[in-house]
Amino acid sequence: MPNVDATLDATEAFPAVAAMQQAARGKASGRRYSRWHLEATVPVEEEGWLLTYLDVITLMLVMMVVMLSVAGPPGDATGKGEPTTTVQPPDPLATTTPATVQTPSILPPLPVTTASTQSATPSPPGKEPESETPQAPAEEAWASLKLDQIGENVAITPGQDSVRFRISNELLFGSGDANLIDGGHSVLDKLLPTLLADPDLHLVVEGHTDNVPIQTARYPSNWELSTGRAASVARYLIEHGVAPQRVQASGYADTRPLGSKDNPVDRATNRRVELILEKSKPGG
């Protein structure tokens, strides 16, 4: 049996021998437990699912593009970009009735104010309702004169206190003359019933000419011509029943034109006789 102390002394004296002995013992023990020992394996992460996911997304995008190309723009039923209207053939047995198209109103309807709604509106507290007297229109104020029966040759302009009758000179006089023609008599005859309807109305006869100068022995200027024409009309009316105290005749030449003085149409409008029926002023 070898001496133990000698072995220990040899190990301490030779460290390399000790290392070799330790390694031999480790190998022997490793072979002994290797059959039951399993080394731990680290799982390797694979990226196969990502490829499948990308394939699915790509297929869905392709299908959406195909469906949009087949469907066309929004509101298009035929793929041509314009809506179609289906027209049904008329029924020969059906009774045709006019179709009523109602246009949608953008603004709300305005309330209609009538006399009943005004009376039903309460007045503010502490303030008495004001009594409003409606003014009659100018046509109603002169309803007794029957203006609609005068004729088309006389232009009528009714006012609140007077009514004006305008007659073209061409219907009453010849060119450059102040004597009434036969056609002028008929025009004034239609006007006479209106002038005689109310004897309290004052009658003013005005003569007007254009700006074309006139110089004759009888009418040296348009002043004499316009005054002579107004006097001829006034004299004819007085001879047919109009009271002379109601009549006033005046000539204004071309100082009160209705239109321009530069063209023949307006100059013909300026040549006229006007008869004005006026209400008597208080104290007049």
Protein backbone atom coordinates (compact mmCIF):
# COMPACT_ATOMS: atom_id res chain seq x y z
CA MET A 1 0.00 0.00 0.00
CA PRO A 2 1.64 3.26 -0.99
CA ASN A 3 2.32 5.79 1.58
CA VAL A 4 -0.31 8.53 1.65
CA ASP A 5 2.03 11.12 2.94
CA ALA A 6 4.34 10.45 0.05
CA THR A 7 1.52 10.95 -2.43
CA LEU A 8 0.51 14.25 -0.90
CA ASP A 9 4.05 15.43 -0.96
CA ALA A 10 4.30 14.58 -4.66
CA THR A 11 1.10 16.48 -5.45
CA GLU A 12 2.22 19.54 -3.62
CA ALA A 13 5.60 19.34 -5.23
CA PHE A 14 4.19 18.98 -8.74
CA PRO A 15 1.08 21.13 -9.28
CA ALA A 16 0.80 20.00 -12.88
CA VAL A 17 0.36 16.45 -11.75
CA ALA A 18 -2.45 17.58 -9.46
CA ALA A 19 -4.22 19.35 -12.31
CA MET A 20 -4.05 16.29 -14.48
CA GLN A 21 -5.49 14.14 -11.75
CA GLN A 22 -8.37 16.60 -11.21
CA ALA A 23 -9.17 16.60 -14.90
CA ALA A 24 -9.18 12.84 -15.02
CA ARG A 25 -11.61 12.69 -12.17
CA GLY A 26 -13.92 15.27 -13.90
CA LYS A 27 -14.03 13.29 -17.11
CA ALA A 28 -14.90 10.13 -15.24
CA SER A 29 -17.77 11.84 -13.44
CA GLY A 30 -18.99 13.46 -16.68
CA ARG A 31 -19.20 10.15 -18.44
CA ARG A 32 -21.07 8.78 -15.50
CA TYR A 33 -23.98 11.45 -15.62
CA SER A 34 -24.04 12.26 -19.35
CA ARG A 35 -26.73 9.77 -20.19
CA TRP A 36 -29.33 11.55 -17.95
CA HIS A 37 -28.29 15.18 -18.62
CA LEU A 38 -29.96 17.23 -21.42
CA GLU A 39 -28.57 20.57 -22.54
CA ALA A 40 -31.04 23.55 -22.59
CA THR A 41 -31.99 24.63 -26.15
CA VAL A 42 -32.82 28.29 -26.85
CA PRO A 43 -35.88 28.57 -29.15
CA VAL A 44 -35.16 30.37 -32.42
CA GLU A 45 -37.82 33.00 -33.32
CA GLU A 46 -39.05 32.49 -36.88
CA GLU A 47 -40.72 35.21 -39.11
CA GLY A 48 -42.98 33.00 -41.21
CA TRP A 49 -46.20 34.52 -39.78
CA LEU A 50 -45.16 37.98 -41.00
CA LEU A 51 -44.97 36.81 -44.58
CA THR A 52 -48.44 35.27 -44.37
CA TYR A 53 -49.86 38.48 -42.87
CA LEU A 54 -48.38 40.60 -45.66
CA ASP A 55 -49.85 38.29 -48.31
CA VAL A 56 -53.33 38.63 -46.81
CA ILE A 57 -53.13 42.44 -46.69
CA THR A 58 -51.93 42.57 -50.30
CA LEU A 59 -54.86 40.41 -51.49
CA MET A 60 -57.37 42.58 -49.65
CA LEU A 61 -55.98 45.75 -51.26
CA VAL A 62 -56.14 44.20 -54.72
CA MET A 63 -59.78 43.16 -54.18
CA MET A 64 -60.72 46.66 -53.01
CA VAL A 65 -59.15 48.25 -56.11
CA VAL A 66 -61.01 45.84 -58.39
CA MET A 67 -64.34 46.51 -56.64
CA LEU A 68 -63.90 50.31 -56.85
CA SER A 69 -63.03 50.16 -60.54
CA VAL A 70 -66.17 48.12 -61.24
CA ALA A 71 -68.45 50.29 -59.09
CA GLY A 72 -67.33 53.63 -60.62
CA PRO A 73 -67.64 57.13 -59.03
CA PRO A 74 -70.19 57.77 -56.25
CA GLY A 75 -73.73 58.21 -57.55
CA ASP A 76 -72.94 56.47 -60.82
CA ALA A 77 -75.09 53.51 -61.65
CA THR A 78 -73.66 52.77 -65.10
CA GLY A 79 -69.94 53.51 -64.63
CA LYS A 80 -70.05 56.48 -67.06
CA GLY A 81 -70.07 59.21 -64.44
CA GLU A 82 -73.62 60.48 -65.19
CA PRO A 83 -76.76 59.50 -63.29
CA THR A 84 -79.42 57.82 -65.33
CA THR A 85 -83.11 58.58 -65.22
CA THR A 86 -85.62 55.83 -65.74
CA VAL A 87 -88.54 57.01 -67.87
CA GLN A 88 -91.66 54.91 -67.71
CA PRO A 89 -93.93 54.84 -70.77
CA PRO A 90 -97.25 56.62 -70.26
CA ASP A 91 -100.27 54.54 -69.48
CA PRO A 92 -102.85 55.03 -72.28
CA LEU A 93 -105.68 54.15 -69.90
CA ALA A 94 -104.67 56.61 -67.24
CA THR A 95 -106.18 60.11 -67.21
CA THR A 96 -103.54 62.73 -67.82
CA THR A 97 -103.51 65.45 -65.21
CA PRO A 98 -101.12 68.39 -65.10
CA ALA A 99 -98.26 67.75 -62.73
CA THR A 100 -97.66 70.24 -60.00
CA VAL A 101 -94.02 70.94 -59.28
CA GLN A 102 -93.38 72.40 -55.88
CA THR A 103 -90.17 74.34 -55.53
CA PRO A 104 -88.71 74.18 -52.05
CA SER A 105 -88.85 77.57 -50.41
CA ILE A 106 -85.53 78.93 -49.22
CA LEU A 107 -86.94 81.77 -47.17
CA PRO A 108 -89.79 81.38 -44.71
CA PRO A 109 -93.10 82.88 -45.86
CA LEU A 110 -93.64 86.44 -44.77
CA PRO A 111 -96.62 87.08 -42.53
CA VAL A 112 -99.52 88.83 -44.24
CA THR A 113 -100.69 91.86 -42.30
CA THR A 114 -104.41 92.51 -42.54
CA ALA A 115 -106.80 94.72 -40.70
CA SER A 116 -107.86 91.85 -38.44
CA THR A 117 -104.29 90.98 -37.49
CA GLN A 118 -103.49 94.61 -36.78
CA SER A 119 -106.49 94.93 -34.49
CA ALA A 120 -105.59 91.69 -32.75
CA THR A 121 -102.04 92.87 -32.00
CA PRO A 122 -101.98 94.16 -28.42
CA SER A 123 -100.54 97.59 -27.86
CA PRO A 124 -97.66 98.06 -25.42
CA PRO A 125 -98.74 98.70 -21.82
CA GLY A 126 -99.09 102.35 -20.94
CA LYS A 127 -99.60 103.40 -24.57
CA GLU A 128 -102.99 103.89 -26.12
CA PRO A 129 -103.54 102.48 -29.60
CA GLU A 130 -103.28 105.03 -32.33
CA SER A 131 -106.24 105.48 -34.60
CA GLU A 132 -104.99 105.20 -38.16
CA THR A 133 -107.12 106.54 -40.97
CA PRO A 134 -106.09 104.83 -44.21
CA GLN A 135 -105.50 107.20 -47.08
CA ALA A 136 -107.48 106.43 -50.18
CA PRO A 137 -105.41 105.87 -53.32
CA ALA A 138 -105.38 108.60 -55.92
CA GLU A 139 -107.58 106.54 -58.24
CA GLU A 140 -110.25 106.11 -55.56
CA ALA A 141 -110.16 109.85 -54.74
CA TRP A 142 -111.17 110.60 -58.34
CA ALA A 143 -113.52 107.65 -58.85
CA SER A 144 -116.50 109.97 -59.42
CA LEU A 145 -114.83 111.40 -62.54
CA LYS A 146 -114.89 108.02 -64.35
CA LEU A 147 -111.35 108.36 -65.67
CA ASP A 148 -111.47 104.98 -67.39
CA GLN A 149 -114.00 106.27 -69.96
CA ILE A 150 -111.89 109.07 -71.39
CA GLY A 151 -110.02 107.11 -74.07
CA GLU A 152 -106.50 106.20 -75.07
CA ASN A 153 -105.55 109.55 -76.62
CA VAL A 154 -105.36 111.23 -73.22
CA ALA A 155 -102.64 110.37 -70.70
CA ILE A 156 -104.02 110.60 -67.16
CA THR A 157 -101.89 111.21 -64.06
CA PRO A 158 -104.02 111.22 -60.90
CA GLY A 159 -102.66 112.75 -57.71
CA GLN A 160 -103.92 113.33 -54.20
CA ASP A 161 -105.06 116.95 -54.77
CA SER A 162 -105.17 117.10 -58.56
CA VAL A 163 -105.52 115.02 -61.69
CA ARG A 164 -103.62 115.85 -64.88
CA PHE A 165 -104.76 115.14 -68.47
CA ARG A 166 -102.03 115.27 -71.12
CA ILE A 167 -102.90 115.56 -74.85
CA SER A 168 -100.40 115.67 -77.71
CA ASN A 169 -100.49 118.81 -79.87
CA GLU A 170 -100.64 116.67 -83.01
CA LEU A 171 -104.13 115.53 -81.96
CA LEU A 172 -105.40 119.08 -81.42
CA PHE A 173 -103.60 121.47 -83.79
CA GLY A 174 -101.84 121.71 -87.07
CA SER A 175 -98.14 122.46 -87.32
CA GLY A 176 -97.37 126.02 -86.22
CA ASP A 177 -101.06 126.81 -85.64
CA ALA A 178 -103.28 127.36 -82.59
CA ASN A 179 -106.68 126.59 -84.17
CA LEU A 180 -108.32 123.31 -83.15
CA ILE A 181 -108.73 120.70 -85.87
CA ASP A 182 -111.73 118.36 -86.16
CA GLY A 183 -109.86 115.53 -84.47
CA GLY A 184 -109.10 117.84 -81.55
CA HIS A 185 -112.82 118.55 -81.09
CA SER A 186 -113.56 114.83 -80.69
CA VAL A 187 -110.78 114.39 -78.17
CA LEU A 188 -112.06 117.27 -76.04
CA ASP A 189 -115.66 116.06 -76.37
CA LYS A 190 -114.70 112.78 -74.70
CA LEU A 191 -113.04 114.76 -71.93
CA LEU A 192 -115.94 117.13 -71.31
CA PRO A 193 -118.09 114.81 -69.09
CA THR A 194 -115.15 114.41 -66.72
CA LEU A 195 -114.49 118.14 -66.59
CA LEU A 196 -118.16 118.87 -65.91
CA ALA A 197 -118.58 116.17 -63.24
CA ASP A 198 -117.50 118.35 -60.31
CA PRO A 199 -118.11 122.10 -60.70
CA ASP A 200 -116.08 122.85 -57.56
CA LEU A 201 -112.80 121.77 -59.17
CA HIS A 202 -110.50 124.41 -60.61
CA LEU A 203 -109.37 123.83 -64.23
CA VAL A 204 -105.95 124.93 -65.47
CA VAL A 205 -105.09 124.68 -69.18
CA GLU A 206 -101.36 124.73 -70.02
CA GLY A 207 -99.81 125.03 -73.48
CA HIS A 208 -96.31 123.63 -74.15
CA THR A 209 -94.10 123.59 -77.27
CA ASP A 210 -90.71 122.18 -78.21
CA ASN A 211 -87.49 124.16 -78.52
CA VAL A 212 -87.70 124.61 -82.29
CA PRO A 213 -88.07 128.40 -82.78
CA ILE A 214 -91.02 129.84 -84.68
CA GLN A 215 -91.32 133.32 -86.15
CA THR A 216 -94.47 134.23 -88.00
CA ALA A 217 -96.61 137.35 -88.15
CA ARG A 218 -99.17 135.82 -85.80
CA TYR A 219 -96.77 133.90 -83.52
CA PRO A 220 -93.41 135.66 -83.20
CA SER A 221 -92.18 133.01 -80.73
CA ASN A 222 -93.20 129.82 -78.96
CA TRP A 223 -94.59 131.88 -76.11
CA GLU A 224 -97.39 133.25 -78.27
CA LEU A 225 -97.96 129.84 -79.86
CA SER A 226 -98.24 127.97 -76.54
CA THR A 227 -100.47 130.64 -75.03
CA GLY A 228 -102.70 130.70 -78.12
CA ARG A 229 -103.16 126.93 -78.03
CA ALA A 230 -104.04 126.98 -74.32
CA ALA A 231 -106.56 129.78 -74.99
CA SER A 232 -108.15 127.83 -77.89
CA VAL A 233 -108.72 124.78 -75.67
CA ALA A 234 -110.07 126.91 -72.82
CA ARG A 235 -112.44 128.77 -75.15
CA TYR A 236 -113.79 125.49 -76.60
CA LEU A 237 -114.45 124.09 -73.12
CA ILE A 238 -116.20 127.26 -71.98
CA GLU A 239 -118.38 127.18 -75.10
CA HIS A 240 -119.43 123.61 -74.17
CA GLY A 241 -120.50 124.21 -70.60
CA VAL A 242 -117.45 124.69 -68.39
CA ALA A 243 -117.88 127.73 -66.13
CA PRO A 244 -115.43 130.46 -67.12
CA GLN A 245 -114.62 131.30 -63.50
CA ARG A 246 -113.15 127.80 -63.11
CA VAL A 247 -110.79 128.09 -66.09
CA GLN A 248 -107.25 129.45 -66.24
CA ALA A 249 -105.11 129.33 -69.42
CA SER A 250 -101.31 129.67 -69.47
CA GLY A 251 -98.51 129.21 -72.01
CA TYR A 252 -95.02 127.97 -71.06
CA ALA A 253 -93.32 127.64 -74.48
CA ASP A 254 -90.46 125.08 -74.11
CA THR A 255 -89.60 125.82 -70.47
CA ARG A 256 -91.20 122.66 -69.00
CA PRO A 257 -90.13 119.75 -71.24
CA LEU A 258 -90.97 116.14 -70.42
CA GLY A 259 -88.01 114.70 -72.31
CA SER A 260 -84.83 115.69 -74.05
CA LYS A 261 -84.71 118.52 -76.57
CA ASP A 262 -82.13 116.84 -78.81
CA ASN A 263 -84.14 114.19 -80.69
CA PRO A 264 -87.45 114.25 -82.61
CA VAL A 265 -89.19 111.67 -80.41
CA ASP A 266 -88.70 113.65 -77.20
CA ARG A 267 -89.52 116.92 -78.92
CA ALA A 268 -92.86 115.44 -80.01
CA THR A 269 -93.51 114.48 -76.39
CA ASN A 270 -92.79 118.01 -75.25
CA ARG A 271 -95.40 119.44 -77.63
CA ARG A 272 -98.58 119.03 -75.60
CA VAL A 273 -101.57 120.58 -73.85
CA GLU A 274 -102.21 119.68 -70.22
CA LEU A 275 -105.48 120.13 -68.35
CA ILE A 276 -105.29 120.00 -64.56
CA LEU A 277 -108.31 119.61 -62.30
CA GLU A 278 -107.40 120.93 -58.87
CA LYS A 279 -109.24 120.89 -55.58
CA SER A 280 -110.03 124.36 -54.27
CA LYS A 281 -107.65 125.43 -51.53
CA PRO A 282 -109.12 126.77 -48.28
CA GLY A 283 -109.62 130.52 -48.55
CA GLY A 284 -108.95 130.44 -52.30
